[in-house]
Each structure stands twice: as structure tokens, then as C-alpha cells.
N, C-alpha and C. Protein backbone atom coordinates (compact mmCIF):
# COMPACT_ATOMS: atom_id res chain seq x y z
N UNK A 1 7.18 16.38 11.47
CA UNK A 1 7.77 16.64 10.16
C UNK A 1 7.01 15.85 9.11
N UNK A 2 6.61 16.49 8.05
CA UNK A 2 5.92 15.82 6.96
C UNK A 2 6.91 15.45 5.87
N UNK A 3 6.68 14.31 5.26
CA UNK A 3 7.54 13.86 4.17
C UNK A 3 7.13 14.58 2.90
N UNK A 4 8.04 15.30 2.26
CA UNK A 4 7.68 15.98 1.02
C UNK A 4 7.56 14.97 -0.12
N UNK A 5 6.35 14.68 -0.51
CA UNK A 5 6.14 13.66 -1.53
C UNK A 5 6.28 14.19 -2.94
N UNK A 6 6.06 15.48 -3.13
CA UNK A 6 6.21 16.04 -4.46
C UNK A 6 4.99 15.90 -5.34
N UNK A 7 3.86 15.45 -4.78
CA UNK A 7 2.63 15.40 -5.53
C UNK A 7 1.49 15.66 -4.57
N UNK A 8 0.37 16.22 -5.06
CA UNK A 8 -0.73 16.57 -4.17
C UNK A 8 -1.34 15.33 -3.52
N UNK A 9 -1.67 15.44 -2.24
CA UNK A 9 -2.23 14.30 -1.52
C UNK A 9 -3.54 13.83 -2.12
N UNK A 10 -4.28 14.73 -2.74
CA UNK A 10 -5.55 14.31 -3.34
C UNK A 10 -5.33 13.36 -4.51
N UNK A 11 -4.12 13.30 -5.01
CA UNK A 11 -3.83 12.42 -6.12
C UNK A 11 -3.10 11.16 -5.67
N UNK A 12 -2.86 11.02 -4.35
CA UNK A 12 -2.18 9.83 -3.85
C UNK A 12 -3.11 8.65 -4.00
N UNK A 13 -2.64 7.65 -4.63
CA UNK A 13 -3.42 6.45 -4.85
C UNK A 13 -2.45 5.30 -5.04
N UNK A 14 -2.77 4.18 -4.43
CA UNK A 14 -1.91 3.01 -4.65
C UNK A 14 -1.88 2.66 -6.12
N UNK A 15 -2.99 2.84 -6.79
CA UNK A 15 -3.03 2.51 -8.21
C UNK A 15 -2.14 3.44 -9.01
N UNK A 16 -2.02 4.71 -8.58
CA UNK A 16 -1.17 5.64 -9.32
C UNK A 16 0.29 5.51 -8.92
N UNK A 17 0.56 5.02 -7.69
CA UNK A 17 1.93 4.85 -7.25
C UNK A 17 2.55 3.55 -7.76
N UNK A 18 1.69 2.60 -8.06
CA UNK A 18 2.21 1.27 -8.34
C UNK A 18 2.97 1.23 -9.66
N UNK A 19 4.02 0.45 -9.65
CA UNK A 19 4.80 0.17 -10.84
C UNK A 19 4.57 -1.30 -11.13
N UNK A 20 4.09 -1.59 -12.30
CA UNK A 20 3.75 -2.98 -12.61
C UNK A 20 4.99 -3.79 -12.97
N UNK A 21 5.34 -4.69 -12.07
CA UNK A 21 6.37 -5.67 -12.32
C UNK A 21 5.74 -7.03 -12.10
N UNK A 22 6.29 -8.04 -12.68
CA UNK A 22 5.74 -9.38 -12.52
C UNK A 22 6.52 -10.11 -11.42
N UNK A 23 6.35 -9.66 -10.17
CA UNK A 23 7.00 -10.30 -9.05
C UNK A 23 6.28 -11.59 -8.71
N UNK A 24 7.02 -12.52 -8.16
CA UNK A 24 6.36 -13.73 -7.66
C UNK A 24 5.81 -13.45 -6.28
N UNK A 25 4.92 -14.29 -5.83
CA UNK A 25 4.32 -14.16 -4.50
C UNK A 25 5.41 -14.16 -3.42
N UNK A 26 6.43 -14.98 -3.60
CA UNK A 26 7.48 -15.08 -2.59
C UNK A 26 8.37 -13.85 -2.56
N UNK A 27 8.57 -13.20 -3.67
CA UNK A 27 9.34 -11.96 -3.72
C UNK A 27 8.65 -10.88 -2.89
N UNK A 28 7.32 -10.75 -3.03
CA UNK A 28 6.58 -9.75 -2.28
C UNK A 28 6.59 -10.07 -0.80
N UNK A 29 6.44 -11.32 -0.45
CA UNK A 29 6.43 -11.70 0.96
C UNK A 29 7.74 -11.31 1.62
N UNK A 30 8.84 -11.38 0.90
CA UNK A 30 10.14 -11.07 1.49
C UNK A 30 10.37 -9.57 1.63
N UNK A 31 9.65 -8.73 0.89
CA UNK A 31 9.86 -7.29 0.99
C UNK A 31 8.96 -6.63 2.03
N UNK A 32 7.94 -7.33 2.50
CA UNK A 32 7.04 -6.79 3.51
C UNK A 32 7.57 -7.15 4.90
N UNK A 33 7.32 -6.28 5.89
CA UNK A 33 7.81 -6.58 7.24
C UNK A 33 7.13 -7.81 7.83
N UNK A 34 7.79 -8.43 8.79
CA UNK A 34 7.24 -9.61 9.45
C UNK A 34 6.26 -9.17 10.53
N UNK A 35 5.08 -8.77 10.10
CA UNK A 35 4.00 -8.39 10.99
C UNK A 35 2.83 -9.34 10.75
N UNK A 36 2.01 -9.59 11.77
CA UNK A 36 0.89 -10.54 11.59
C UNK A 36 -0.01 -10.21 10.40
N UNK A 37 -0.27 -8.93 10.13
CA UNK A 37 -1.14 -8.58 9.01
C UNK A 37 -0.56 -9.04 7.68
N UNK A 38 0.75 -8.90 7.49
CA UNK A 38 1.37 -9.31 6.23
C UNK A 38 1.55 -10.82 6.15
N UNK A 39 1.78 -11.46 7.28
CA UNK A 39 1.84 -12.92 7.29
C UNK A 39 0.48 -13.50 6.92
N UNK A 40 -0.60 -12.86 7.40
CA UNK A 40 -1.95 -13.31 7.04
C UNK A 40 -2.21 -13.11 5.54
N UNK A 41 -1.82 -11.97 5.02
CA UNK A 41 -2.05 -11.68 3.60
C UNK A 41 -1.26 -12.65 2.72
N UNK A 42 0.00 -12.86 3.05
CA UNK A 42 0.84 -13.72 2.20
C UNK A 42 0.58 -15.20 2.41
N UNK A 43 -0.21 -15.55 3.44
CA UNK A 43 -0.54 -16.97 3.63
C UNK A 43 -1.62 -17.43 2.65
N UNK A 44 -2.31 -16.49 2.02
CA UNK A 44 -3.34 -16.82 1.04
C UNK A 44 -2.70 -17.05 -0.33
N UNK A 45 -3.37 -17.82 -1.14
CA UNK A 45 -2.91 -18.02 -2.52
C UNK A 45 -2.94 -16.66 -3.22
N UNK A 46 -1.89 -16.30 -3.97
CA UNK A 46 -1.83 -14.98 -4.60
C UNK A 46 -2.97 -14.68 -5.57
N UNK A 47 -3.61 -15.70 -6.11
CA UNK A 47 -4.71 -15.48 -7.05
C UNK A 47 -6.08 -15.47 -6.37
N UNK A 48 -6.13 -15.69 -5.05
CA UNK A 48 -7.40 -15.65 -4.32
C UNK A 48 -7.88 -14.22 -4.19
N UNK A 49 -9.18 -14.04 -4.24
CA UNK A 49 -9.76 -12.70 -4.13
C UNK A 49 -9.63 -12.19 -2.70
N UNK A 50 -9.09 -10.97 -2.57
CA UNK A 50 -8.92 -10.34 -1.27
C UNK A 50 -9.98 -9.27 -1.04
N UNK A 51 -10.28 -8.48 -2.07
CA UNK A 51 -11.18 -7.34 -1.95
C UNK A 51 -12.02 -7.25 -3.22
N UNK A 52 -13.30 -6.97 -3.03
CA UNK A 52 -14.18 -6.69 -4.17
C UNK A 52 -14.71 -5.28 -3.99
N UNK A 53 -14.47 -4.43 -4.98
CA UNK A 53 -14.96 -3.06 -4.95
C UNK A 53 -16.45 -3.11 -5.26
N UNK A 54 -17.28 -2.70 -4.30
CA UNK A 54 -18.72 -2.87 -4.41
C UNK A 54 -19.35 -2.15 -5.59
N UNK A 55 -19.11 -0.84 -5.80
CA UNK A 55 -19.80 -0.19 -6.92
C UNK A 55 -19.42 -0.75 -8.30
N UNK A 56 -18.13 -1.05 -8.49
CA UNK A 56 -17.69 -1.49 -9.82
C UNK A 56 -17.68 -3.00 -9.97
N UNK A 57 -17.60 -3.72 -8.86
CA UNK A 57 -17.50 -5.17 -8.92
C UNK A 57 -16.10 -5.66 -9.23
N UNK A 58 -15.14 -4.76 -9.34
CA UNK A 58 -13.76 -5.15 -9.65
C UNK A 58 -13.16 -5.89 -8.46
N UNK A 59 -12.51 -7.00 -8.73
CA UNK A 59 -11.90 -7.83 -7.69
C UNK A 59 -10.39 -7.66 -7.70
N UNK A 60 -9.80 -7.65 -6.51
CA UNK A 60 -8.35 -7.55 -6.34
C UNK A 60 -7.89 -8.78 -5.58
N UNK A 61 -6.76 -9.33 -5.99
CA UNK A 61 -6.25 -10.55 -5.37
C UNK A 61 -5.25 -10.23 -4.26
N UNK A 62 -4.96 -11.25 -3.45
CA UNK A 62 -3.95 -11.09 -2.41
C UNK A 62 -2.58 -10.80 -3.01
N UNK A 63 -2.30 -11.38 -4.16
CA UNK A 63 -1.03 -11.10 -4.84
C UNK A 63 -0.93 -9.65 -5.26
N UNK A 64 -2.02 -9.10 -5.81
CA UNK A 64 -2.04 -7.69 -6.19
C UNK A 64 -1.89 -6.79 -4.97
N UNK A 65 -2.58 -7.12 -3.89
CA UNK A 65 -2.50 -6.32 -2.67
C UNK A 65 -1.07 -6.32 -2.13
N UNK A 66 -0.44 -7.48 -2.06
CA UNK A 66 0.95 -7.56 -1.59
C UNK A 66 1.88 -6.75 -2.47
N UNK A 67 1.73 -6.90 -3.77
CA UNK A 67 2.59 -6.17 -4.72
C UNK A 67 2.37 -4.67 -4.63
N UNK A 68 1.11 -4.25 -4.58
CA UNK A 68 0.80 -2.83 -4.54
C UNK A 68 1.31 -2.18 -3.26
N UNK A 69 1.16 -2.87 -2.13
CA UNK A 69 1.67 -2.32 -0.86
C UNK A 69 3.19 -2.22 -0.90
N UNK A 70 3.87 -3.25 -1.39
CA UNK A 70 5.33 -3.20 -1.49
C UNK A 70 5.78 -2.09 -2.43
N UNK A 71 5.11 -1.94 -3.57
CA UNK A 71 5.47 -0.89 -4.53
C UNK A 71 5.21 0.50 -3.97
N UNK A 72 4.06 0.69 -3.30
CA UNK A 72 3.73 2.00 -2.73
C UNK A 72 4.70 2.35 -1.60
N UNK A 73 5.07 1.36 -0.79
CA UNK A 73 6.04 1.60 0.28
C UNK A 73 7.38 2.02 -0.31
N UNK A 74 7.80 1.35 -1.35
CA UNK A 74 9.06 1.69 -2.02
C UNK A 74 8.98 3.08 -2.64
N UNK A 75 7.85 3.42 -3.26
CA UNK A 75 7.68 4.74 -3.87
C UNK A 75 7.75 5.85 -2.81
N UNK A 76 7.13 5.62 -1.66
CA UNK A 76 7.19 6.61 -0.59
C UNK A 76 8.62 6.81 -0.09
N UNK A 77 9.34 5.73 0.07
CA UNK A 77 10.74 5.82 0.52
C UNK A 77 11.59 6.57 -0.51
N UNK A 78 11.34 6.31 -1.78
CA UNK A 78 12.08 7.01 -2.83
C UNK A 78 11.74 8.50 -2.85
N UNK A 79 10.45 8.84 -2.72
CA UNK A 79 10.04 10.25 -2.70
C UNK A 79 10.64 10.98 -1.50
N UNK A 80 10.73 10.28 -0.35
CA UNK A 80 11.28 10.89 0.86
C UNK A 80 12.80 10.99 0.79
N UNK A 81 13.41 10.18 -0.07
CA UNK A 81 14.86 10.22 -0.21
C UNK A 81 15.62 9.46 0.86
N UNK A 82 14.92 8.57 1.56
CA UNK A 82 15.62 7.75 2.56
C UNK A 82 14.86 6.45 2.81
N UNK A 83 15.53 5.49 3.38
CA UNK A 83 14.97 4.16 3.56
C UNK A 83 14.15 4.03 4.84
N UNK A 84 14.51 4.75 5.91
CA UNK A 84 13.83 4.60 7.18
C UNK A 84 12.83 5.73 7.38
N UNK A 85 11.55 5.40 7.35
CA UNK A 85 10.50 6.39 7.53
C UNK A 85 9.80 6.22 8.88
N UNK A 86 10.33 5.36 9.73
CA UNK A 86 9.67 5.05 11.00
C UNK A 86 9.39 6.32 11.81
N UNK A 87 8.13 6.49 12.18
CA UNK A 87 7.73 7.61 13.01
C UNK A 87 7.42 8.89 12.27
N UNK A 88 7.68 8.95 10.96
CA UNK A 88 7.35 10.15 10.20
C UNK A 88 5.84 10.26 10.04
N UNK A 89 5.36 11.48 9.86
CA UNK A 89 3.93 11.73 9.72
C UNK A 89 3.57 11.98 8.26
N UNK A 90 2.41 11.45 7.89
CA UNK A 90 1.92 11.62 6.52
C UNK A 90 0.40 11.50 6.55
N UNK A 91 -0.25 12.04 5.55
CA UNK A 91 -1.68 11.87 5.38
C UNK A 91 -1.94 11.30 4.00
N UNK A 92 -2.83 10.33 3.94
CA UNK A 92 -3.29 9.77 2.68
C UNK A 92 -4.73 10.23 2.49
N UNK A 93 -5.06 10.74 1.33
CA UNK A 93 -6.43 11.08 0.99
C UNK A 93 -6.84 10.17 -0.15
N UNK A 94 -7.69 9.20 0.15
CA UNK A 94 -8.03 8.17 -0.82
C UNK A 94 -9.52 7.87 -0.76
N UNK A 95 -10.02 7.27 -1.83
CA UNK A 95 -11.40 6.81 -1.86
C UNK A 95 -11.55 5.62 -0.94
N UNK A 96 -12.75 5.47 -0.39
CA UNK A 96 -13.03 4.32 0.44
C UNK A 96 -13.14 3.10 -0.48
N UNK A 97 -12.26 2.16 -0.33
CA UNK A 97 -12.23 0.99 -1.18
C UNK A 97 -10.84 0.38 -1.16
N UNK A 98 -10.42 -0.13 -2.30
CA UNK A 98 -9.13 -0.80 -2.41
C UNK A 98 -7.98 0.13 -2.02
N UNK A 99 -8.01 1.37 -2.49
CA UNK A 99 -6.93 2.30 -2.17
C UNK A 99 -6.84 2.58 -0.67
N UNK A 100 -7.97 2.60 0.00
CA UNK A 100 -7.97 2.80 1.46
C UNK A 100 -7.29 1.63 2.15
N UNK A 101 -7.66 0.42 1.77
CA UNK A 101 -7.05 -0.78 2.37
C UNK A 101 -5.55 -0.77 2.09
N UNK A 102 -5.18 -0.47 0.87
CA UNK A 102 -3.76 -0.43 0.51
C UNK A 102 -3.00 0.64 1.26
N UNK A 103 -3.61 1.82 1.43
CA UNK A 103 -2.94 2.91 2.16
C UNK A 103 -2.70 2.52 3.61
N UNK A 104 -3.68 1.85 4.22
CA UNK A 104 -3.50 1.40 5.61
C UNK A 104 -2.37 0.38 5.71
N UNK A 105 -2.28 -0.52 4.75
CA UNK A 105 -1.21 -1.54 4.77
C UNK A 105 0.14 -0.90 4.46
N UNK A 106 0.17 0.09 3.57
CA UNK A 106 1.41 0.80 3.27
C UNK A 106 1.91 1.53 4.51
N UNK A 107 0.99 2.10 5.25
CA UNK A 107 1.32 2.75 6.51
C UNK A 107 2.02 1.76 7.44
N UNK A 108 1.45 0.58 7.60
CA UNK A 108 2.04 -0.43 8.47
C UNK A 108 3.40 -0.91 7.95
N UNK A 109 3.51 -1.06 6.65
CA UNK A 109 4.75 -1.57 6.06
C UNK A 109 5.91 -0.58 6.18
N UNK A 110 5.61 0.71 6.17
CA UNK A 110 6.67 1.72 6.18
C UNK A 110 6.97 2.29 7.56
N UNK A 111 6.12 1.99 8.55
CA UNK A 111 6.35 2.50 9.90
C UNK A 111 5.93 3.93 10.08
N UNK A 112 5.12 4.45 9.18
CA UNK A 112 4.66 5.83 9.24
C UNK A 112 3.59 6.02 10.30
N UNK A 113 3.50 7.23 10.82
CA UNK A 113 2.36 7.64 11.62
C UNK A 113 1.44 8.33 10.64
N UNK A 114 0.42 7.63 10.18
CA UNK A 114 -0.39 8.13 9.08
C UNK A 114 -1.83 8.37 9.49
N UNK A 115 -2.39 9.38 8.89
CA UNK A 115 -3.82 9.61 8.92
C UNK A 115 -4.33 9.26 7.54
N UNK A 116 -5.24 8.30 7.50
CA UNK A 116 -5.82 7.93 6.22
C UNK A 116 -7.21 8.53 6.18
N UNK A 117 -7.39 9.49 5.29
CA UNK A 117 -8.65 10.21 5.15
C UNK A 117 -9.38 9.66 3.94
N UNK A 118 -10.69 9.49 4.08
CA UNK A 118 -11.46 8.96 2.96
C UNK A 118 -12.33 10.04 2.34
N UNK A 119 -12.57 9.88 1.08
CA UNK A 119 -13.51 10.73 0.35
C UNK A 119 -14.87 10.08 0.41
N UNK A 120 -15.88 10.84 0.65
CA UNK A 120 -17.23 10.26 0.73
C UNK A 120 -17.98 10.56 -0.54
């Protein structure tokens, strides 16, 4: 069963799903599941650089990554109309870069069985 997201997958992007709120680092840590990947991410200082996009040179921090994953996970749950998405199937079509990393982390945070496809 696919989750009806209501928008074309080619337009799925963590940057487009994100809602900018000024959450603290601790707020984001509490909304992510207790998995080793999220414990590793939240163990870093929120202002430390996590990812640098090679072509543009734009840098993303661990705080931004945590916030974006939490926001994207929440947006997916809202679009699906329910809180538990464990085992549901979805596909993300994203550029190779920050959105790819975020989509993989959103997959882990929401319990989805996801295929993350990259654009070359």
C-alpha cells in the first residue's frame, strides 16, 4: 500500500517539506526515535557542520538535519492522516545531496519501507 501524499514524488524534498520553527536542539532530539543513527546525530553540537553540498558549497548543520528530518517525518504523517506509518511503502525521488541524506533519515524516523531514488 502506498501512502497518498497528495504531491508528485518528483517534487518531494526535505527543503520543500520543512516548516521553519526555531526548535532547540533538545526538542528535536526528543521527537526522533531512539535509534543509534539519531543518537549519533544529536550527540554533535547543533551548529557543527554535518553535510557540505559539493557543487554549491552550502553547508548544513546537525541542528538543521535533526530539525528537517523531524519536520519531514511529521509532514509525512500528516499527509498520510495517521501517526503510525511503520511498514508502509513509499518512494522518495530526490537529488543526490542533502535531500538524499534527509530522505534516508526520514525513512528511518518514520518506520517506512522506502526506496530512495536519486536524480543524476
